[in-house]
PDB file of N, CA and C in Angstrom:
ATOM      1  N   MET A   1      17.245  -2.231  13.244  1.00  0.00           N
ATOM      2  CA  MET A   1      17.745  -1.206  12.745  1.00  0.00           C
ATOM      3  C   MET A   1      16.315  -1.117  11.858  1.00  0.00           C
ATOM      4  N   VAL A   2      15.926   0.456  11.436  1.00  0.00           N
ATOM      5  CA  VAL A   2      14.787   0.602  10.917  1.00  0.00           C
ATOM      6  C   VAL A   2      15.532   1.304   9.347  1.00  0.00           C
ATOM      7  N   THR A   3      14.880   0.925   8.218  1.00  0.00           N
ATOM      8  CA  THR A   3      15.600   0.887   7.196  1.00  0.00           C
ATOM      9  C   THR A   3      14.318   1.951   6.479  1.00  0.00           C
ATOM     10  N   VAL A   4      14.902   2.995   5.820  1.00  0.00           N
ATOM     11  CA  VAL A   4      13.819   3.966   4.879  1.00  0.00           C
ATOM     12  C   VAL A   4      13.495   3.608   3.625  1.00  0.00           C
ATOM     13  N   PHE A   5      12.638   3.142   2.980  1.00  0.00           N
ATOM     14  CA  PHE A   5      12.073   2.274   1.945  1.00  0.00           C
ATOM     15  C   PHE A   5      11.689   3.618   1.170  1.00  0.00           C
ATOM     16  N   ASP A   6      11.538   3.350  -0.100  1.00  0.00           N
ATOM     17  CA  ASP A   6      10.911   4.136  -0.993  1.00  0.00           C
ATOM     18  C   ASP A   6       9.846   3.104  -1.866  1.00  0.00           C
ATOM     19  N   THR A   7       8.902   3.549  -2.453  1.00  0.00           N
ATOM     20  CA  THR A   7       8.321   2.550  -3.025  1.00  0.00           C
ATOM     21  C   THR A   7       9.241   1.237  -4.167  1.00  0.00           C
ATOM     22  N   ALA A   8       9.753   1.114  -4.784  1.00  0.00           N
ATOM     23  CA  ALA A   8      10.948   0.744  -5.662  1.00  0.00           C
ATOM     24  C   ALA A   8      11.282  -0.280  -4.279  1.00  0.00           C
ATOM     25  N   ALA A   9      12.245  -0.294  -3.430  1.00  0.00           N
ATOM     26  CA  ALA A   9      12.669  -0.594  -2.600  1.00  0.00           C
ATOM     27  C   ALA A   9      11.366  -1.628  -2.190  1.00  0.00           C
ATOM     28  N   PHE A  10      10.356  -1.269  -1.715  1.00  0.00           N
ATOM     29  CA  PHE A  10       9.017  -1.739  -1.092  1.00  0.00           C
ATOM     30  C   PHE A  10       8.512  -3.121  -1.758  1.00  0.00           C
ATOM     31  N   ASP A  11       8.742  -2.753  -2.556  1.00  0.00           N
ATOM     32  CA  ASP A  11       7.821  -3.690  -3.811  1.00  0.00           C
ATOM     33  C   ASP A  11       8.858  -4.757  -4.210  1.00  0.00           C
ATOM     34  N   ALA A  12      10.340  -4.524  -4.154  1.00  0.00           N
ATOM     35  CA  ALA A  12      11.263  -5.730  -4.325  1.00  0.00           C
ATOM     36  C   ALA A  12      11.136  -6.466  -3.012  1.00  0.00           C
ATOM     37  N   ALA A  13      11.076  -5.846  -2.074  1.00  0.00           N
ATOM     38  CA  ALA A  13      11.214  -6.719  -0.675  1.00  0.00           C
ATOM     39  C   ALA A  13       9.801  -7.684  -0.884  1.00  0.00           C
ATOM     40  N   MET A  14       8.722  -7.027  -1.572  1.00  0.00           N
ATOM     41  CA  MET A  14       6.874  -7.562  -1.050  1.00  0.00           C
ATOM     42  C   MET A  14       7.869  -9.521  -2.123  1.00  0.00           C
ATOM     43  N   GLN A  15       7.858  -8.536  -3.178  1.00  0.00           N
ATOM     44  CA  GLN A  15       8.473  -9.482  -4.282  1.00  0.00           C
ATOM     45  C   GLN A  15       9.184 -10.815  -3.319  1.00  0.00           C
ATOM     46  N   GLU A  16      10.403 -10.468  -2.793  1.00  0.00           N
ATOM     47  CA  GLU A  16      10.879 -11.679  -1.996  1.00  0.00           C
ATOM     48  C   GLU A  16      10.550 -12.228  -0.775  1.00  0.00           C
ATOM     49  N   LYS A  17       8.994 -11.710  -0.378  1.00  0.00           N
ATOM     50  CA  LYS A  17       8.283 -12.000   0.181  1.00  0.00           C
ATOM     51  C   LYS A  17       8.797 -12.206   1.595  1.00  0.00           C
ATOM     52  N   LYS A  18       9.704 -10.908   2.310  1.00  0.00           N
ATOM     53  CA  LYS A  18      10.320 -10.780   3.041  1.00  0.00           C
ATOM     54  C   LYS A  18       9.122 -10.283   4.133  1.00  0.00           C
ATOM     55  N   THR A  19       9.364 -10.755   5.596  1.00  0.00           N
ATOM     56  CA  THR A  19       8.337 -10.431   6.432  1.00  0.00           C
ATOM     57  C   THR A  19       8.673  -9.198   7.094  1.00  0.00           C
ATOM     58  N   LEU A  20       7.831  -8.178   6.553  1.00  0.00           N
ATOM     59  CA  LEU A  20       8.271  -6.508   6.659  1.00  0.00           C
ATOM     60  C   LEU A  20       7.231  -6.159   7.784  1.00  0.00           C
ATOM     61  N   VAL A  21       7.737  -5.213   9.012  1.00  0.00           N
ATOM     62  CA  VAL A  21       7.426  -4.302   9.900  1.00  0.00           C
ATOM     63  C   VAL A  21       7.325  -3.001   9.225  1.00  0.00           C
ATOM     64  N   VAL A  22       6.142  -2.564   8.933  1.00  0.00           N
ATOM     65  CA  VAL A  22       6.628  -0.753   8.193  1.00  0.00           C
ATOM     66  C   VAL A  22       5.267  -0.139   8.829  1.00  0.00           C
ATOM     67  N   ASP A  23       6.051   0.889   9.101  1.00  0.00           N
ATOM     68  CA  ASP A  23       5.726   2.293   9.532  1.00  0.00           C
ATOM     69  C   ASP A  23       5.642   3.500   8.680  1.00  0.00           C
ATOM     70  N   PHE A  24       4.318   3.501   8.055  1.00  0.00           N
ATOM     71  CA  PHE A  24       3.968   4.465   7.532  1.00  0.00           C
ATOM     72  C   PHE A  24       3.505   5.973   8.123  1.00  0.00           C
ATOM     73  N   TYR A  25       4.440   6.956   7.893  1.00  0.00           N
ATOM     74  CA  TYR A  25       4.393   7.734   8.845  1.00  0.00           C
ATOM     75  C   TYR A  25       4.965   9.492   7.673  1.00  0.00           C
ATOM     76  N   ALA A  26       4.694  10.539   8.299  1.00  0.00           N
ATOM     77  CA  ALA A  26       5.189  11.830   7.615  1.00  0.00           C
ATOM     78  C   ALA A  26       5.710  12.504   8.723  1.00  0.00           C
ATOM     79  N   ASP A  27       6.686  13.406   8.305  1.00  0.00           N
ATOM     80  CA  ASP A  27       7.781  14.480   9.190  1.00  0.00           C
ATOM     81  C   ASP A  27       6.862  14.848  10.068  1.00  0.00           C
ATOM     82  N   TRP A  28       5.783  15.799   9.774  1.00  0.00           N
ATOM     83  CA  TRP A  28       5.205  16.613  10.334  1.00  0.00           C
ATOM     84  C   TRP A  28       4.112  16.010  11.423  1.00  0.00           C
ATOM     85  N   CYS A  29       4.369  15.021  11.224  1.00  0.00           N
ATOM     86  CA  CYS A  29       3.153  14.245  12.521  1.00  0.00           C
ATOM     87  C   CYS A  29       3.413  13.738  13.546  1.00  0.00           C
ATOM     88  N   GLY A  30       3.032  14.525  14.723  1.00  0.00           N
ATOM     89  CA  GLY A  30       3.340  14.377  15.941  1.00  0.00           C
ATOM     90  C   GLY A  30       3.074  12.874  16.391  1.00  0.00           C
ATOM     91  N   PRO A  31       2.375  12.154  16.213  1.00  0.00           N
ATOM     92  CA  PRO A  31       1.816  10.941  17.145  1.00  0.00           C
ATOM     93  C   PRO A  31       3.073  10.085  15.962  1.00  0.00           C
ATOM     94  N   CYS A  32       3.334  10.208  14.925  1.00  0.00           N
ATOM     95  CA  CYS A  32       4.525   9.371  14.428  1.00  0.00           C
ATOM     96  C   CYS A  32       5.927   9.742  14.883  1.00  0.00           C
ATOM     97  N   ARG A  33       6.073  10.777  15.447  1.00  0.00           N
ATOM     98  CA  ARG A  33       7.328  11.576  16.277  1.00  0.00           C
ATOM     99  C   ARG A  33       7.263  10.263  17.342  1.00  0.00           C
ATOM    100  N   MET A  34       6.135  10.554  18.052  1.00  0.00           N
ATOM    101  CA  MET A  34       6.214   9.657  19.294  1.00  0.00           C
ATOM    102  C   MET A  34       6.282   8.114  18.890  1.00  0.00           C
ATOM    103  N   LEU A  35       5.842   7.827  17.684  1.00  0.00           N
ATOM    104  CA  LEU A  35       6.064   6.077  17.780  1.00  0.00           C
ATOM    105  C   LEU A  35       7.315   5.979  17.405  1.00  0.00           C
ATOM    106  N   ALA A  36       8.191   6.823  16.763  1.00  0.00           N
ATOM    107  CA  ALA A  36       9.341   6.474  15.817  1.00  0.00           C
ATOM    108  C   ALA A  36      10.490   5.713  17.015  1.00  0.00           C
ATOM    109  N   PRO A  37      10.468   5.908  17.822  1.00  0.00           N
ATOM    110  CA  PRO A  37      11.425   5.237  18.852  1.00  0.00           C
ATOM    111  C   PRO A  37      10.897   4.190  19.703  1.00  0.00           C
ATOM    112  N   VAL A  38       9.720   3.785  19.861  1.00  0.00           N
ATOM    113  CA  VAL A  38       9.488   2.925  20.082  1.00  0.00           C
ATOM    114  C   VAL A  38       9.550   1.632  19.000  1.00  0.00           C
ATOM    115  N   ILE A  39       9.186   1.778  17.406  1.00  0.00           N
ATOM    116  CA  ILE A  39       9.666   1.102  16.274  1.00  0.00           C
ATOM    117  C   ILE A  39      11.312   0.853  16.266  1.00  0.00           C
ATOM    118  N   ASP A  40      11.959   1.823  16.426  1.00  0.00           N
ATOM    119  CA  ASP A  40      13.349   1.432  16.671  1.00  0.00           C
ATOM    120  C   ASP A  40      13.715   0.759  17.316  1.00  0.00           C
ATOM    121  N   ALA A  41      13.286   0.618  18.827  1.00  0.00           N
ATOM    122  CA  ALA A  41      13.681  -0.142  19.962  1.00  0.00           C
ATOM    123  C   ALA A  41      13.392  -1.666  19.710  1.00  0.00           C
ATOM    124  N   LEU A  42      12.081  -1.405  18.793  1.00  0.00           N
ATOM    125  CA  LEU A  42      11.132  -2.849  18.787  1.00  0.00           C
ATOM    126  C   LEU A  42      11.563  -3.928  17.450  1.00  0.00           C
ATOM    127  N   SER A  43      12.286  -3.159  16.730  1.00  0.00           N
ATOM    128  CA  SER A  43      13.475  -3.579  15.410  1.00  0.00           C
ATOM    129  C   SER A  43      14.511  -4.143  16.055  1.00  0.00           C
ATOM    130  N   GLU A  44      14.983  -3.625  17.154  1.00  0.00           N
ATOM    131  CA  GLU A  44      16.236  -4.703  17.218  1.00  0.00           C
ATOM    132  C   GLU A  44      15.734  -5.982  18.479  1.00  0.00           C
ATOM    133  N   GLU A  45      14.416  -5.875  19.033  1.00  0.00           N
ATOM    134  CA  GLU A  45      13.754  -6.931  19.609  1.00  0.00           C
ATOM    135  C   GLU A  45      13.477  -7.805  18.645  1.00  0.00           C
ATOM    136  N   PHE A  46      13.360  -7.589  17.724  1.00  0.00           N
ATOM    137  CA  PHE A  46      12.592  -8.512  16.407  1.00  0.00           C
ATOM    138  C   PHE A  46      13.366  -8.575  15.406  1.00  0.00           C
ATOM    139  N   GLU A  47      15.079  -8.107  15.280  1.00  0.00           N
ATOM    140  CA  GLU A  47      15.654  -8.484  14.083  1.00  0.00           C
ATOM    141  C   GLU A  47      15.799  -9.758  13.267  1.00  0.00           C
ATOM    142  N   ASP A  48      15.573 -11.025  14.350  1.00  0.00           N
ATOM    143  CA  ASP A  48      16.034 -11.972  13.607  1.00  0.00           C
ATOM    144  C   ASP A  48      14.754 -12.513  13.007  1.00  0.00           C
ATOM    145  N   ARG A  49      13.845 -11.866  13.218  1.00  0.00           N
ATOM    146  CA  ARG A  49      12.225 -12.119  12.745  1.00  0.00           C
ATOM    147  C   ARG A  49      11.359 -11.549  11.907  1.00  0.00           C
ATOM    148  N   ALA A  50      11.944 -10.161  11.669  1.00  0.00           N
ATOM    149  CA  ALA A  50      11.290  -9.412  10.949  1.00  0.00           C
ATOM    150  C   ALA A  50      11.978  -8.100  10.380  1.00  0.00           C
ATOM    151  N   GLN A  51      11.879  -7.529   8.942  1.00  0.00           N
ATOM    152  CA  GLN A  51      12.738  -6.580   8.840  1.00  0.00           C
ATOM    153  C   GLN A  51      11.717  -5.045   8.876  1.00  0.00           C
ATOM    154  N   PHE A  52      12.366  -4.318   9.638  1.00  0.00           N
ATOM    155  CA  PHE A  52      11.720  -2.940   9.996  1.00  0.00           C
ATOM    156  C   PHE A  52      11.756  -1.795   8.707  1.00  0.00           C
ATOM    157  N   VAL A  53      10.843  -1.501   8.796  1.00  0.00           N
ATOM    158  CA  VAL A  53      11.236  -0.449   7.216  1.00  0.00           C
ATOM    159  C   VAL A  53       9.834   0.747   7.949  1.00  0.00           C
ATOM    160  N   LYS A  54      10.251   2.144   7.310  1.00  0.00           N
ATOM    161  CA  LYS A  54       9.562   3.361   7.048  1.00  0.00           C
ATOM    162  C   LYS A  54       9.516   4.174   5.969  1.00  0.00           C
ATOM    163  N   ILE A  55       7.757   4.382   5.898  1.00  0.00           N
ATOM    164  CA  ILE A  55       7.950   5.143   4.702  1.00  0.00           C
ATOM    165  C   ILE A  55       7.207   6.085   4.708  1.00  0.00           C
ATOM    166  N   ASN A  56       7.785   6.893   4.055  1.00  0.00           N
ATOM    167  CA  ASN A  56       7.245   8.723   4.189  1.00  0.00           C
ATOM    168  C   ASN A  56       5.744   8.574   3.439  1.00  0.00           C
ATOM    169  N   VAL A  57       4.625   8.798   3.717  1.00  0.00           N
ATOM    170  CA  VAL A  57       3.800   8.894   2.820  1.00  0.00           C
ATOM    171  C   VAL A  57       3.825   9.982   2.068  1.00  0.00           C
ATOM    172  N   ASP A  58       4.113  11.065   2.113  1.00  0.00           N
ATOM    173  CA  ASP A  58       4.248  11.979   1.416  1.00  0.00           C
ATOM    174  C   ASP A  58       5.446  12.101   0.204  1.00  0.00           C
ATOM    175  N   ASP A  59       6.152  11.069   0.703  1.00  0.00           N
ATOM    176  CA  ASP A  59       7.206  11.034  -0.849  1.00  0.00           C
ATOM    177  C   ASP A  59       7.217   9.558  -1.193  1.00  0.00           C
ATOM    178  N   ASN A  60       5.813   9.210  -0.843  1.00  0.00           N
ATOM    179  CA  ASN A  60       5.232   7.616  -1.527  1.00  0.00           C
ATOM    180  C   ASN A  60       3.743   8.086  -1.483  1.00  0.00           C
ATOM    181  N   PRO A  61       3.461   8.750  -2.241  1.00  0.00           N
ATOM    182  CA  PRO A  61       1.980   8.550  -1.909  1.00  0.00           C
ATOM    183  C   PRO A  61       1.005   7.780  -3.033  1.00  0.00           C
ATOM    184  N   ASP A  62       1.824   6.990  -3.631  1.00  0.00           N
ATOM    185  CA  ASP A  62       1.078   5.670  -4.506  1.00  0.00           C
ATOM    186  C   ASP A  62       0.978   4.677  -3.606  1.00  0.00           C
ATOM    187  N   LEU A  63       1.831   4.275  -2.770  1.00  0.00           N
ATOM    188  CA  LEU A  63       1.722   3.342  -1.439  1.00  0.00           C
ATOM    189  C   LEU A  63       0.326   3.816  -0.623  1.00  0.00           C
ATOM    190  N   ALA A  64       0.780   4.958   0.037  1.00  0.00           N
ATOM    191  CA  ALA A  64      -0.138   5.705   0.493  1.00  0.00           C
ATOM    192  C   ALA A  64      -1.548   5.010   0.148  1.00  0.00           C
ATOM    193  N   ARG A  65      -1.726   5.292  -1.408  1.00  0.00           N
ATOM    194  CA  ARG A  65      -3.259   4.684  -1.834  1.00  0.00           C
ATOM    195  C   ARG A  65      -3.278   3.542  -1.905  1.00  0.00           C
ATOM    196  N   ARG A  66      -2.233   2.594  -2.399  1.00  0.00           N
ATOM    197  CA  ARG A  66      -2.672   1.523  -2.542  1.00  0.00           C
ATOM    198  C   ARG A  66      -2.584   0.924  -1.357  1.00  0.00           C
ATOM    199  N   TYR A  67      -2.340   1.311  -0.081  1.00  0.00           N
ATOM    200  CA  TYR A  67      -3.002   0.677   1.076  1.00  0.00           C
ATOM    201  C   TYR A  67      -4.238   1.217   2.223  1.00  0.00           C
ATOM    202  N   SER A  68      -4.600   2.224   1.325  1.00  0.00           N
ATOM    203  CA  SER A  68      -5.702   2.952   2.047  1.00  0.00           C
ATOM    204  C   SER A  68      -5.683   3.624   3.136  1.00  0.00           C
ATOM    205  N   ILE A  69      -4.055   4.132   3.107  1.00  0.00           N
ATOM    206  CA  ILE A  69      -4.265   4.394   4.530  1.00  0.00           C
ATOM    207  C   ILE A  69      -4.638   6.362   4.625  1.00  0.00           C
ATOM    208  N   MET A  70      -5.295   6.265   5.667  1.00  0.00           N
ATOM    209  CA  MET A  70      -6.116   7.820   5.827  1.00  0.00           C
ATOM    210  C   MET A  70      -5.269   8.372   6.447  1.00  0.00           C
ATOM    211  N   SER A  71      -4.771   7.685   7.652  1.00  0.00           N
ATOM    212  CA  SER A  71      -4.072   8.155   9.141  1.00  0.00           C
ATOM    213  C   SER A  71      -3.062   7.116   9.278  1.00  0.00           C
ATOM    214  N   ILE A  72      -2.238   8.195  10.246  1.00  0.00           N
ATOM    215  CA  ILE A  72      -0.874   8.001  10.351  1.00  0.00           C
ATOM    216  C   ILE A  72      -0.411   8.355  11.789  1.00  0.00           C
ATOM    217  N   PRO A  73       0.721   7.950  12.324  1.00  0.00           N
ATOM    218  CA  PRO A  73       1.002   6.746  11.653  1.00  0.00           C
ATOM    219  C   PRO A  73      -0.106   5.201  11.720  1.00  0.00           C
ATOM    220  N   CYS A  74       0.541   4.367  10.507  1.00  0.00           N
ATOM    221  CA  CYS A  74      -0.161   3.488  10.327  1.00  0.00           C
ATOM    222  C   CYS A  74       0.877   2.226  10.295  1.00  0.00           C
ATOM    223  N   VAL A  75       1.250   1.151  11.364  1.00  0.00           N
ATOM    224  CA  VAL A  75       1.832   0.200  10.723  1.00  0.00           C
ATOM    225  C   VAL A  75       1.182  -0.751  10.918  1.00  0.00           C
ATOM    226  N   MET A  76       2.277  -1.389   9.494  1.00  0.00           N
ATOM    227  CA  MET A  76       1.350  -3.070   9.302  1.00  0.00           C
ATOM    228  C   MET A  76       2.622  -3.663   8.939  1.00  0.00           C
ATOM    229  N   VAL A  77       1.940  -4.885   8.973  1.00  0.00           N
ATOM    230  CA  VAL A  77       2.924  -6.095   9.002  1.00  0.00           C
ATOM    231  C   VAL A  77       2.660  -6.979   7.523  1.00  0.00           C
ATOM    232  N   PHE A  78       3.447  -7.394   7.184  1.00  0.00           N
ATOM    233  CA  PHE A  78       3.718  -8.078   5.713  1.00  0.00           C
ATOM    234  C   PHE A  78       4.178  -9.404   5.988  1.00  0.00           C
ATOM    235  N   LYS A  79       3.836 -10.799   5.717  1.00  0.00           N
ATOM    236  CA  LYS A  79       4.185 -11.763   5.961  1.00  0.00           C
ATOM    237  C   LYS A  79       3.772 -12.858   4.464  1.00  0.00           C
ATOM    238  N   GLY A  80       4.714 -12.642   3.846  1.00  0.00           N
ATOM    239  CA  GLY A  80       5.123 -13.856   2.406  1.00  0.00           C
ATOM    240  C   GLY A  80       4.230 -13.191   1.277  1.00  0.00           C
ATOM    241  N   GLY A  81       5.069 -11.799   1.249  1.00  0.00           N
ATOM    242  CA  GLY A  81       3.957 -10.553   0.785  1.00  0.00           C
ATOM    243  C   GLY A  81       2.552 -10.735   0.532  1.00  0.00           C
ATOM    244  N   GLU A  82       1.952 -10.851   1.478  1.00  0.00           N
ATOM    245  CA  GLU A  82       0.524 -10.102   2.027  1.00  0.00           C
ATOM    246  C   GLU A  82       0.689  -9.473   3.415  1.00  0.00           C
ATOM    247  N   LEU A  83      -0.371  -8.753   3.239  1.00  0.00           N
ATOM    248  CA  LEU A  83      -0.945  -7.833   4.509  1.00  0.00           C
ATOM    249  C   LEU A  83      -1.613  -8.858   5.839  1.00  0.00           C
ATOM    250  N   ALA A  84      -0.535  -9.049   6.729  1.00  0.00           N
ATOM    251  CA  ALA A  84      -1.469  -9.674   8.001  1.00  0.00           C
ATOM    252  C   ALA A  84      -2.122  -8.890   8.790  1.00  0.00           C
ATOM    253  N   ASP A  85      -1.810  -7.881   9.506  1.00  0.00           N
ATOM    254  CA  ASP A  85      -2.737  -7.010  10.194  1.00  0.00           C
ATOM    255  C   ASP A  85      -2.250  -5.499   9.939  1.00  0.00           C
ATOM    256  N   LYS A  86      -2.997  -4.529  10.195  1.00  0.00           N
ATOM    257  CA  LYS A  86      -2.132  -3.411  10.889  1.00  0.00           C
ATOM    258  C   LYS A  86      -2.722  -2.506  12.103  1.00  0.00           C
ATOM    259  N   ASN A  87      -2.042  -1.239  12.540  1.00  0.00           N
ATOM    260  CA  ASN A  87      -2.383  -0.776  13.275  1.00  0.00           C
ATOM    261  C   ASN A  87      -2.745   0.763  13.207  1.00  0.00           C
ATOM    262  N   LEU A  88      -3.341   1.530  13.325  1.00  0.00           N
ATOM    263  CA  LEU A  88      -3.273   2.899  13.186  1.00  0.00           C
ATOM    264  C   LEU A  88      -3.299   3.855  14.687  1.00  0.00           C
ATOM    265  N   GLY A  89      -2.416   4.784  13.915  1.00  0.00           N
ATOM    266  CA  GLY A  89      -2.117   5.576  15.574  1.00  0.00           C
ATOM    267  C   GLY A  89      -1.202   5.018  16.516  1.00  0.00           C
ATOM    268  N   PHE A  90      -0.735   6.388  17.642  1.00  0.00           N
ATOM    269  CA  PHE A  90       0.053   5.873  18.387  1.00  0.00           C
ATOM    270  C   PHE A  90      -0.427   4.705  19.148  1.00  0.00           C
ATOM    271  N   ILE A  91       0.447   4.109  19.726  1.00  0.00           N
ATOM    272  CA  ILE A  91       0.392   3.098  21.004  1.00  0.00           C
ATOM    273  C   ILE A  91       1.461   2.966  22.143  1.00  0.00           C
ATOM    274  N   PRO A  92       1.549   2.659  23.082  1.00  0.00           N
ATOM    275  CA  PRO A  92       2.268   2.354  23.794  1.00  0.00           C
ATOM    276  C   PRO A  92       3.513   1.057  23.628  1.00  0.00           C
ATOM    277  N   LYS A  93       4.491   0.686  23.693  1.00  0.00           N
ATOM    278  CA  LYS A  93       5.873  -0.170  23.379  1.00  0.00           C
ATOM    279  C   LYS A  93       5.133  -1.059  23.653  1.00  0.00           C
ATOM    280  N   ALA A  94       4.362  -1.471  24.782  1.00  0.00           N
ATOM    281  CA  ALA A  94       4.204  -2.599  25.446  1.00  0.00           C
ATOM    282  C   ALA A  94       3.129  -3.122  24.517  1.00  0.00           C
ATOM    283  N   ALA A  95       2.370  -2.801  24.387  1.00  0.00           N
ATOM    284  CA  ALA A  95       1.178  -2.682  23.165  1.00  0.00           C
ATOM    285  C   ALA A  95       1.285  -3.246  21.543  1.00  0.00           C
ATOM    286  N   MET A  96       2.128  -2.255  20.710  1.00  0.00           N
ATOM    287  CA  MET A  96       3.386  -2.454  19.790  1.00  0.00           C
ATOM    288  C   MET A  96       3.768  -3.361  19.608  1.00  0.00           C
ATOM    289  N   GLN A  97       4.691  -3.808  20.908  1.00  0.00           N
ATOM    290  CA  GLN A  97       5.610  -5.065  21.195  1.00  0.00           C
ATOM    291  C   GLN A  97       4.349  -6.472  20.692  1.00  0.00           C
ATOM    292  N   ALA A  98       3.101  -6.053  21.504  1.00  0.00           N
ATOM    293  CA  ALA A  98       1.742  -7.568  21.082  1.00  0.00           C
ATOM    294  C   ALA A  98       1.518  -7.338  20.417  1.00  0.00           C
ATOM    295  N   PHE A  99       1.210  -6.295  19.656  1.00  0.00           N
ATOM    296  CA  PHE A  99       0.687  -6.409  18.387  1.00  0.00           C
ATOM    297  C   PHE A  99       1.602  -7.223  17.310  1.00  0.00           C
ATOM    298  N   ILE A 100       2.876  -6.742  17.320  1.00  0.00           N
ATOM    299  CA  ILE A 100       3.749  -7.214  15.883  1.00  0.00           C
ATOM    300  C   ILE A 100       4.453  -8.599  16.621  1.00  0.00           C
ATOM    301  N   GLU A 101       4.054  -9.479  17.911  1.00  0.00           N
ATOM    302  CA  GLU A 101       4.167 -10.532  18.403  1.00  0.00           C
ATOM    303  C   GLU A 101       3.518 -11.286  17.915  1.00  0.00           C
ATOM    304  N   LYS A 102       2.174 -10.984  17.990  1.00  0.00           N
ATOM    305  CA  LYS A 102       1.133 -11.667  17.219  1.00  0.00           C
ATOM    306  C   LYS A 102       0.835 -11.563  15.771  1.00  0.00           C
ATOM    307  N   ASN A 103       1.681 -11.109  15.323  1.00  0.00           N
ATOM    308  CA  ASN A 103       1.614 -11.025  13.905  1.00  0.00           C
ATOM    309  C   ASN A 103       2.792 -12.014  12.972  1.00  0.00           C
ATOM    310  N   LEU A 104       3.775 -12.186  13.730  1.00  0.00           N
ATOM    311  CA  LEU A 104       4.820 -12.509  13.175  1.00  0.00           C
ATOM    312  C   LEU A 104       5.110 -14.539  13.551  1.00  0.00           C
TER     313      LEU A 104
END
């Protein structure tokens, strides 16, 4: 299951040092819409290892600035309150699965 976060929810999860897979997106972004079902499917596969989160960059520009997000979709993996890795742009499910697997 993917949860929509705002800045406050994200900051709270980071303070708890949760393992997060964060999809930074915008509603108007075509590649973001293509990636959404991939993230949804992988959230079920990895639900016991990470919390999957979506953050709208238009609604939360402070987070986009904080992580220097200039292109979307941007998927970031956070472990222990630290950024582990990021992936820019749309990639197929198998590639995204491998990206998440290597970072969890």
